[in-house]
PDB file of all heavy atoms in Angstrom:
ATOM      1  N   ALA A   1      11.302  26.236  -0.773  1.00  0.00           N
ATOM      2  CA  ALA A   1      12.184  26.317   0.458  1.00  0.00           C
ATOM      3  C   ALA A   1      12.421  24.899   1.026  1.00  0.00           C
ATOM      4  O   ALA A   1      13.628  24.527   1.490  1.00  0.00           O
ATOM      5  CB  ALA A   1      11.678  27.088   1.476  1.00  0.00           C
ATOM      6  N   ILE A   2      11.430  24.067   1.001  1.00  0.00           N
ATOM      7  CA  ILE A   2      11.552  22.691   1.646  1.00  0.00           C
ATOM      8  C   ILE A   2      12.561  21.826   0.936  1.00  0.00           C
ATOM      9  O   ILE A   2      13.330  21.027   1.595  1.00  0.00           O
ATOM     10  CB  ILE A   2      10.115  22.006   1.683  1.00  0.00           C
ATOM     11  CG1 ILE A   2      10.218  20.710   2.524  1.00  0.00           C
ATOM     12  CG2 ILE A   2       9.593  21.617   0.285  1.00  0.00           C
ATOM     13  CD1 ILE A   2      10.521  21.002   4.008  1.00  0.00           C
ATOM     14  N   GLU A   3      12.711  21.971  -0.424  1.00  0.00           N
ATOM     15  CA  GLU A   3      13.712  21.252  -1.065  1.00  0.00           C
ATOM     16  C   GLU A   3      15.109  21.716  -0.703  1.00  0.00           C
ATOM     17  O   GLU A   3      16.026  20.920  -0.671  1.00  0.00           O
ATOM     18  CB  GLU A   3      13.489  21.361  -2.604  1.00  0.00           C
ATOM     19  CG  GLU A   3      12.174  20.755  -3.084  1.00  0.00           C
ATOM     20  CD  GLU A   3      12.112  20.605  -4.560  1.00  0.00           C
ATOM     21  OE1 GLU A   3      13.095  20.893  -5.250  1.00  0.00           O
ATOM     22  OE2 GLU A   3      11.008  20.253  -5.109  1.00  0.00           O
ATOM     23  N   LEU A   4      15.256  23.064  -0.597  1.00  0.00           N
ATOM     24  CA  LEU A   4      16.664  23.550  -0.224  1.00  0.00           C
ATOM     25  C   LEU A   4      16.946  23.178   1.138  1.00  0.00           C
ATOM     26  O   LEU A   4      18.138  22.912   1.395  1.00  0.00           O
ATOM     27  CB  LEU A   4      16.628  25.081  -0.363  1.00  0.00           C
ATOM     28  CG  LEU A   4      16.317  25.675  -1.719  1.00  0.00           C
ATOM     29  CD1 LEU A   4      16.347  27.188  -1.695  1.00  0.00           C
ATOM     30  CD2 LEU A   4      17.513  25.197  -2.725  1.00  0.00           C
ATOM     31  N   LEU A   5      16.012  23.018   2.064  1.00  0.00           N
ATOM     32  CA  LEU A   5      16.252  22.653   3.442  1.00  0.00           C
ATOM     33  C   LEU A   5      16.529  21.162   3.602  1.00  0.00           C
ATOM     34  O   LEU A   5      17.450  20.840   4.225  1.00  0.00           O
ATOM     35  CB  LEU A   5      15.094  23.098   4.312  1.00  0.00           C
ATOM     36  CG  LEU A   5      14.971  24.640   4.532  1.00  0.00           C
ATOM     37  CD1 LEU A   5      13.484  24.862   5.092  1.00  0.00           C
ATOM     38  CD2 LEU A   5      16.039  25.135   5.524  1.00  0.00           C
ATOM     39  N   VAL A   6      15.686  20.384   3.006  1.00  0.00           N
ATOM     40  CA  VAL A   6      15.871  18.993   3.117  1.00  0.00           C
ATOM     41  C   VAL A   6      17.101  18.499   2.360  1.00  0.00           C
ATOM     42  O   VAL A   6      17.858  17.594   2.852  1.00  0.00           O
ATOM     43  CB  VAL A   6      14.578  18.213   2.692  1.00  0.00           C
ATOM     44  CG1 VAL A   6      14.726  16.706   2.590  1.00  0.00           C
ATOM     45  CG2 VAL A   6      13.333  18.567   3.612  1.00  0.00           C
ATOM     46  N   GLY A   7      17.237  18.955   1.097  1.00  0.00           N
ATOM     47  CA  GLY A   7      18.417  18.758   0.366  1.00  0.00           C
ATOM     48  C   GLY A   7      18.810  17.216  -0.024  1.00  0.00           C
ATOM     49  O   GLY A   7      19.909  16.939  -0.305  1.00  0.00           O
ATOM     50  N   ASP A   8      17.742  16.398  -0.139  1.00  0.00           N
ATOM     51  CA  ASP A   8      17.897  14.989  -0.277  1.00  0.00           C
ATOM     52  C   ASP A   8      16.682  14.475  -0.925  1.00  0.00           C
ATOM     53  O   ASP A   8      15.526  14.476  -0.355  1.00  0.00           O
ATOM     54  CB  ASP A   8      18.272  14.296   1.037  1.00  0.00           C
ATOM     55  CG  ASP A   8      18.490  12.866   0.905  1.00  0.00           C
ATOM     56  OD1 ASP A   8      17.792  12.105   0.158  1.00  0.00           O
ATOM     57  OD2 ASP A   8      19.431  12.346   1.481  1.00  0.00           O
ATOM     58  N   ARG A   9      16.719  13.839  -2.207  1.00  0.00           N
ATOM     59  CA  ARG A   9      15.591  13.348  -2.851  1.00  0.00           C
ATOM     60  C   ARG A   9      14.943  12.200  -2.167  1.00  0.00           C
ATOM     61  O   ARG A   9      13.638  12.235  -2.095  1.00  0.00           O
ATOM     62  CB  ARG A   9      16.095  12.879  -4.253  1.00  0.00           C
ATOM     63  CG  ARG A   9      16.335  13.947  -5.269  1.00  0.00           C
ATOM     64  CD  ARG A   9      14.981  14.643  -5.647  1.00  0.00           C
ATOM     65  NE  ARG A   9      15.351  15.844  -6.557  1.00  0.00           N
ATOM     66  CZ  ARG A   9      14.346  16.731  -6.773  1.00  0.00           C
ATOM     67  NH1 ARG A   9      13.132  16.689  -6.182  1.00  0.00           N
ATOM     68  NH2 ARG A   9      14.581  17.711  -7.565  1.00  0.00           N
ATOM     69  N   PHE A  10      15.658  11.466  -1.522  1.00  0.00           N
ATOM     70  CA  PHE A  10      15.144  10.239  -0.775  1.00  0.00           C
ATOM     71  C   PHE A  10      14.232  10.699   0.378  1.00  0.00           C
ATOM     72  O   PHE A  10      13.128  10.254   0.604  1.00  0.00           O
ATOM     73  CB  PHE A  10      16.202   9.335  -0.283  1.00  0.00           C
ATOM     74  CG  PHE A  10      15.683   7.932   0.117  1.00  0.00           C
ATOM     75  CD1 PHE A  10      15.350   7.105  -0.850  1.00  0.00           C
ATOM     76  CD2 PHE A  10      15.543   7.634   1.475  1.00  0.00           C
ATOM     77  CE1 PHE A  10      14.863   5.749  -0.517  1.00  0.00           C
ATOM     78  CE2 PHE A  10      15.125   6.323   1.801  1.00  0.00           C
ATOM     79  CZ  PHE A  10      14.745   5.450   0.853  1.00  0.00           C
ATOM     80  N   LEU A  11      14.728  11.743   1.105  1.00  0.00           N
ATOM     81  CA  LEU A  11      13.893  12.285   2.236  1.00  0.00           C
ATOM     82  C   LEU A  11      12.759  13.096   1.735  1.00  0.00           C
ATOM     83  O   LEU A  11      11.608  13.133   2.359  1.00  0.00           O
ATOM     84  CB  LEU A  11      14.830  13.173   3.087  1.00  0.00           C
ATOM     85  CG  LEU A  11      16.020  12.538   3.787  1.00  0.00           C
ATOM     86  CD1 LEU A  11      16.725  13.532   4.617  1.00  0.00           C
ATOM     87  CD2 LEU A  11      15.588  11.325   4.659  1.00  0.00           C
ATOM     88  N   LEU A  12      12.798  13.752   0.650  1.00  0.00           N
ATOM     89  CA  LEU A  12      11.715  14.410   0.001  1.00  0.00           C
ATOM     90  C   LEU A  12      10.652  13.478  -0.438  1.00  0.00           C
ATOM     91  O   LEU A  12       9.437  13.709  -0.285  1.00  0.00           O
ATOM     92  CB  LEU A  12      12.221  15.240  -1.170  1.00  0.00           C
ATOM     93  CG  LEU A  12      12.981  16.576  -0.879  1.00  0.00           C
ATOM     94  CD1 LEU A  12      13.597  17.199  -2.084  1.00  0.00           C
ATOM     95  CD2 LEU A  12      12.080  17.623  -0.126  1.00  0.00           C
ATOM     96  N   GLU A  13      11.098  12.295  -0.958  1.00  0.00           N
ATOM     97  CA  GLU A  13      10.064  11.257  -1.275  1.00  0.00           C
ATOM     98  C   GLU A  13       9.276  10.830  -0.012  1.00  0.00           C
ATOM     99  O   GLU A  13       8.109  10.505  -0.022  1.00  0.00           O
ATOM    100  CB  GLU A  13      10.812  10.110  -1.941  1.00  0.00           C
ATOM    101  CG  GLU A  13      11.232  10.420  -3.378  1.00  0.00           C
ATOM    102  CD  GLU A  13      12.160   9.246  -3.942  1.00  0.00           C
ATOM    103  OE1 GLU A  13      12.417   8.273  -3.172  1.00  0.00           O
ATOM    104  OE2 GLU A  13      12.518   9.352  -5.056  1.00  0.00           O
ATOM    105  N   TYR A  14      10.032  10.738   1.124  1.00  0.00           N
ATOM    106  CA  TYR A  14       9.319  10.310   2.328  1.00  0.00           C
ATOM    107  C   TYR A  14       8.297  11.363   2.753  1.00  0.00           C
ATOM    108  O   TYR A  14       7.103  11.017   3.107  1.00  0.00           O
ATOM    109  CB  TYR A  14      10.349  10.248   3.450  1.00  0.00           C
ATOM    110  CG  TYR A  14       9.707  10.030   4.870  1.00  0.00           C
ATOM    111  CD1 TYR A  14       9.261   8.799   5.325  1.00  0.00           C
ATOM    112  CD2 TYR A  14       9.582  11.199   5.709  1.00  0.00           C
ATOM    113  CE1 TYR A  14       8.716   8.610   6.453  1.00  0.00           C
ATOM    114  CE2 TYR A  14       9.036  10.901   6.981  1.00  0.00           C
ATOM    115  CZ  TYR A  14       8.567   9.671   7.391  1.00  0.00           C
ATOM    116  OH  TYR A  14       7.945   9.529   8.662  1.00  0.00           O
ATOM    117  N   LEU A  15       8.554  12.577   2.609  1.00  0.00           N
ATOM    118  CA  LEU A  15       7.571  13.605   2.976  1.00  0.00           C
ATOM    119  C   LEU A  15       6.353  13.570   2.068  1.00  0.00           C
ATOM    120  O   LEU A  15       5.236  13.920   2.484  1.00  0.00           O
ATOM    121  CB  LEU A  15       8.217  15.090   2.705  1.00  0.00           C
ATOM    122  CG  LEU A  15       9.322  15.454   3.806  1.00  0.00           C
ATOM    123  CD1 LEU A  15       9.703  16.849   3.476  1.00  0.00           C
ATOM    124  CD2 LEU A  15       8.687  15.446   5.155  1.00  0.00           C
ATOM    125  N   ASN A  16       6.506  13.035   0.772  1.00  0.00           N
ATOM    126  CA  ASN A  16       5.417  12.862  -0.130  1.00  0.00           C
ATOM    127  C   ASN A  16       4.858  11.527  -0.073  1.00  0.00           C
ATOM    128  O   ASN A  16       3.998  11.145  -1.011  1.00  0.00           O
ATOM    129  CB  ASN A  16       5.920  13.134  -1.581  1.00  0.00           C
ATOM    130  CG  ASN A  16       6.335  14.686  -1.714  1.00  0.00           C
ATOM    131  OD1 ASN A  16       5.525  15.518  -1.355  1.00  0.00           O
ATOM    132  ND2 ASN A  16       7.398  14.933  -2.548  1.00  0.00           N
ATOM    133  N   GLY A  17       5.055  10.789   1.036  1.00  0.00           N
ATOM    134  CA  GLY A  17       4.265   9.571   1.181  1.00  0.00           C
ATOM    135  C   GLY A  17       4.942   8.192   0.817  1.00  0.00           C
ATOM    136  O   GLY A  17       4.392   7.147   1.082  1.00  0.00           O
ATOM    137  N   ARG A  18       6.177   8.321   0.338  1.00  0.00           N
ATOM    138  CA  ARG A  18       6.964   7.011   0.032  1.00  0.00           C
ATOM    139  C   ARG A  18       7.785   6.667   1.144  1.00  0.00           C
ATOM    140  O   ARG A  18       8.167   7.568   2.006  1.00  0.00           O
ATOM    141  CB  ARG A  18       7.743   7.352  -1.276  1.00  0.00           C
ATOM    142  CG  ARG A  18       6.822   7.461  -2.498  1.00  0.00           C
ATOM    143  CD  ARG A  18       7.736   7.635  -3.683  1.00  0.00           C
ATOM    144  NE  ARG A  18       8.508   6.460  -3.872  1.00  0.00           N
ATOM    145  CZ  ARG A  18       9.447   6.412  -4.907  1.00  0.00           C
ATOM    146  NH1 ARG A  18       9.791   7.423  -5.767  1.00  0.00           N
ATOM    147  NH2 ARG A  18      10.132   5.297  -5.098  1.00  0.00           N
ATOM    148  N   HIS A  19       8.183   5.456   1.230  1.00  0.00           N
ATOM    149  CA  HIS A  19       9.105   4.934   2.211  1.00  0.00           C
ATOM    150  C   HIS A  19       8.560   4.840   3.560  1.00  0.00           C
ATOM    151  O   HIS A  19       7.741   5.706   3.984  1.00  0.00           O
ATOM    152  CB  HIS A  19      10.404   5.623   2.245  1.00  0.00           C
ATOM    153  CG  HIS A  19      11.016   5.876   0.876  1.00  0.00           C
ATOM    154  ND1 HIS A  19      11.264   5.051   0.013  1.00  0.00           N
ATOM    155  CD2 HIS A  19      11.468   7.167   0.261  1.00  0.00           C
ATOM    156  CE1 HIS A  19      11.805   5.458  -1.108  1.00  0.00           C
ATOM    157  NE2 HIS A  19      11.827   6.825  -0.960  1.00  0.00           N
ATOM    158  N   SER A  20       8.919   3.806   4.357  1.00  0.00           N
ATOM    159  CA  SER A  20       8.364   3.604   5.708  1.00  0.00           C
ATOM    160  C   SER A  20       9.245   4.378   6.681  1.00  0.00           C
ATOM    161  O   SER A  20      10.460   4.799   6.426  1.00  0.00           O
ATOM    162  CB  SER A  20       8.381   2.213   6.133  1.00  0.00           C
ATOM    163  OG  SER A  20       9.665   1.624   6.150  1.00  0.00           O
ATOM    164  N   ASP A  21       8.734   4.545   7.947  1.00  0.00           N
ATOM    165  CA  ASP A  21       9.540   5.164   8.947  1.00  0.00           C
ATOM    166  C   ASP A  21      10.858   4.360   9.203  1.00  0.00           C
ATOM    167  O   ASP A  21      11.951   4.953   9.353  1.00  0.00           O
ATOM    168  CB  ASP A  21       8.639   5.249  10.354  1.00  0.00           C
ATOM    169  CG  ASP A  21       7.697   6.222  10.233  1.00  0.00           C
ATOM    170  OD1 ASP A  21       7.619   6.954   9.271  1.00  0.00           O
ATOM    171  OD2 ASP A  21       6.859   6.356  11.230  1.00  0.00           O
ATOM    172  N   THR A  22      10.705   3.138   9.206  1.00  0.00           N
ATOM    173  CA  THR A  22      11.789   2.156   9.472  1.00  0.00           C
ATOM    174  C   THR A  22      12.867   2.424   8.344  1.00  0.00           C
ATOM    175  O   THR A  22      14.111   2.542   8.634  1.00  0.00           O
ATOM    176  CB  THR A  22      11.434   0.740   9.461  1.00  0.00           C
ATOM    177  OG1 THR A  22      10.438   0.443  10.562  1.00  0.00           O
ATOM    178  CG2 THR A  22      12.568  -0.180   9.646  1.00  0.00           C
ATOM    179  N   THR A  23      12.449   2.461   7.078  1.00  0.00           N
ATOM    180  CA  THR A  23      13.379   2.651   6.011  1.00  0.00           C
ATOM    181  C   THR A  23      14.189   3.970   6.115  1.00  0.00           C
ATOM    182  O   THR A  23      15.379   4.041   5.978  1.00  0.00           O
ATOM    183  CB  THR A  23      12.733   2.601   4.619  1.00  0.00           C
ATOM    184  OG1 THR A  23      12.111   1.331   4.440  1.00  0.00           O
ATOM    185  CG2 THR A  23      13.602   2.890   3.483  1.00  0.00           C
ATOM    186  N   ILE A  24      13.296   4.948   6.585  1.00  0.00           N
ATOM    187  CA  ILE A  24      14.009   6.304   6.730  1.00  0.00           C
ATOM    188  C   ILE A  24      15.115   6.263   7.951  1.00  0.00           C
ATOM    189  O   ILE A  24      16.209   6.825   7.749  1.00  0.00           O
ATOM    190  CB  ILE A  24      13.030   7.446   6.921  1.00  0.00           C
ATOM    191  CG1 ILE A  24      12.285   7.648   5.579  1.00  0.00           C
ATOM    192  CG2 ILE A  24      13.591   8.696   7.359  1.00  0.00           C
ATOM    193  CD1 ILE A  24      13.170   8.193   4.487  1.00  0.00           C
TER     194      ILE A  24
END
């Protein structure tokens, strides 16, 4: 469900610990 809701690989990577708050 979380993938269908977020719908964006880059944002899913953020949820999994990648990318900074500023980058997002």
